[in-house]
Amino acid sequence: MELIKEEGHAEYDLQLTAAELLGILFKTHRTMVANIVQHLRSEVLVQAFGSNNQKRYKFGLFVLDDMVEHLGPTYFSQEDYSMIV
């Protein structure tokens, strides 16, 4: 049981680190992340928000927050940006 808890904690730490890295990419390489953003929006975030796992849901919120903060309203269409926000 202790091993399962430890693995779950490690997975959560990995998700937070991945979210931080995505935020850094959005901030520093805004013009080069279109494919990543598309993949996140079409698959990764759909799965994160569709799961019943609070940690995956939190990961999705972190990524969306960084999209809004670093990519901004001019990156997306007005309709897409409104949906994301």
Protein backbone atom coordinates (compact mmCIF):
# COMPACT_ATOMS: atom_id res chain seq x y z
CA MET A 1 0.00 0.00 0.00
CA GLU A 2 2.87 2.32 0.84
CA LEU A 3 4.48 1.66 -2.56
CA ILE A 4 1.24 2.52 -4.37
CA LYS A 5 1.00 5.82 -2.45
CA GLU A 6 4.62 6.62 -3.26
CA GLU A 7 4.10 5.91 -6.98
CA GLY A 8 1.00 8.11 -7.00
CA HIS A 9 2.97 10.92 -5.37
CA ALA A 10 5.77 10.54 -7.94
CA GLU A 11 3.25 10.67 -10.81
CA TYR A 12 1.72 13.85 -9.39
CA ASP A 13 5.18 15.45 -9.06
CA LEU A 14 5.89 14.53 -12.68
CA GLN A 15 2.61 16.10 -13.82
CA LEU A 16 3.40 19.34 -11.98
CA THR A 17 6.86 19.44 -13.50
CA ALA A 18 5.42 18.84 -16.98
CA ALA A 19 2.91 21.66 -16.44
CA GLU A 20 5.71 23.99 -15.36
CA LEU A 21 7.77 23.09 -18.43
CA LEU A 22 4.80 23.72 -20.71
CA GLY A 23 4.33 27.12 -19.11
CA ILE A 24 7.98 27.96 -19.74
CA LEU A 25 7.63 26.90 -23.38
CA PHE A 26 4.52 29.04 -23.79
CA LYS A 27 6.32 32.00 -22.29
CA THR A 28 9.63 31.71 -24.14
CA HIS A 29 8.71 30.05 -27.45
CA ARG A 30 5.26 31.40 -28.18
CA THR A 31 5.67 31.12 -31.94
CA MET A 32 6.83 27.50 -31.83
CA VAL A 33 4.22 25.79 -29.66
CA ALA A 34 1.25 25.55 -32.04
CA ASN A 35 1.51 21.76 -32.40
CA ILE A 36 1.88 21.28 -28.66
CA VAL A 37 -1.10 23.53 -27.94
CA GLN A 38 -3.22 21.69 -30.49
CA HIS A 39 -2.31 18.31 -29.01
CA LEU A 40 -2.98 19.54 -25.49
CA ARG A 41 -6.37 20.95 -26.45
CA SER A 42 -7.51 18.00 -28.54
CA GLU A 43 -6.28 15.10 -26.40
CA VAL A 44 -4.40 15.73 -23.17
CA LEU A 45 -6.72 18.30 -21.59
CA VAL A 46 -9.81 16.41 -22.71
CA GLN A 47 -8.52 13.34 -20.88
CA ALA A 48 -7.44 15.34 -17.84
CA PHE A 49 -10.82 17.01 -17.42
CA GLY A 50 -12.67 13.82 -18.29
CA SER A 51 -11.02 11.83 -15.55
CA ASN A 52 -12.28 11.62 -12.01
CA ASN A 53 -8.75 12.16 -10.74
CA GLN A 54 -8.33 15.46 -8.90
CA LYS A 55 -4.59 15.56 -9.63
CA ARG A 56 -5.11 15.26 -13.39
CA TYR A 57 -7.81 17.89 -13.21
CA LYS A 58 -5.38 20.19 -11.39
CA PHE A 59 -2.75 19.51 -14.09
CA GLY A 60 -5.27 20.61 -16.73
CA LEU A 61 -6.03 23.80 -14.83
CA PHE A 62 -2.32 24.65 -14.51
CA VAL A 63 -1.81 24.17 -18.26
CA LEU A 64 -4.88 26.25 -19.17
CA ASP A 65 -3.77 29.00 -16.79
CA ASP A 66 -0.36 29.15 -18.47
CA MET A 67 -1.98 29.21 -21.91
CA VAL A 68 -4.07 32.22 -20.90
CA GLU A 69 -1.20 33.97 -19.13
CA HIS A 70 1.60 33.42 -21.64
CA LEU A 71 -0.13 33.00 -24.99
CA GLY A 72 -2.93 35.49 -24.44
CA PRO A 73 -6.01 36.43 -26.41
CA THR A 74 -4.17 37.22 -29.64
CA TYR A 75 -2.86 33.66 -29.95
CA PHE A 76 -6.31 32.06 -30.17
CA SER A 77 -9.47 32.96 -32.03
CA GLN A 78 -11.83 35.02 -29.89
CA GLU A 79 -14.21 32.06 -29.57
CA ASP A 80 -11.44 29.64 -28.53
CA TYR A 81 -9.96 32.11 -26.06
CA SER A 82 -13.37 32.70 -24.45
CA MET A 83 -13.85 28.94 -24.09
CA ILE A 84 -10.39 28.48 -22.55
CA VAL A 85 -10.86 31.33 -20.10
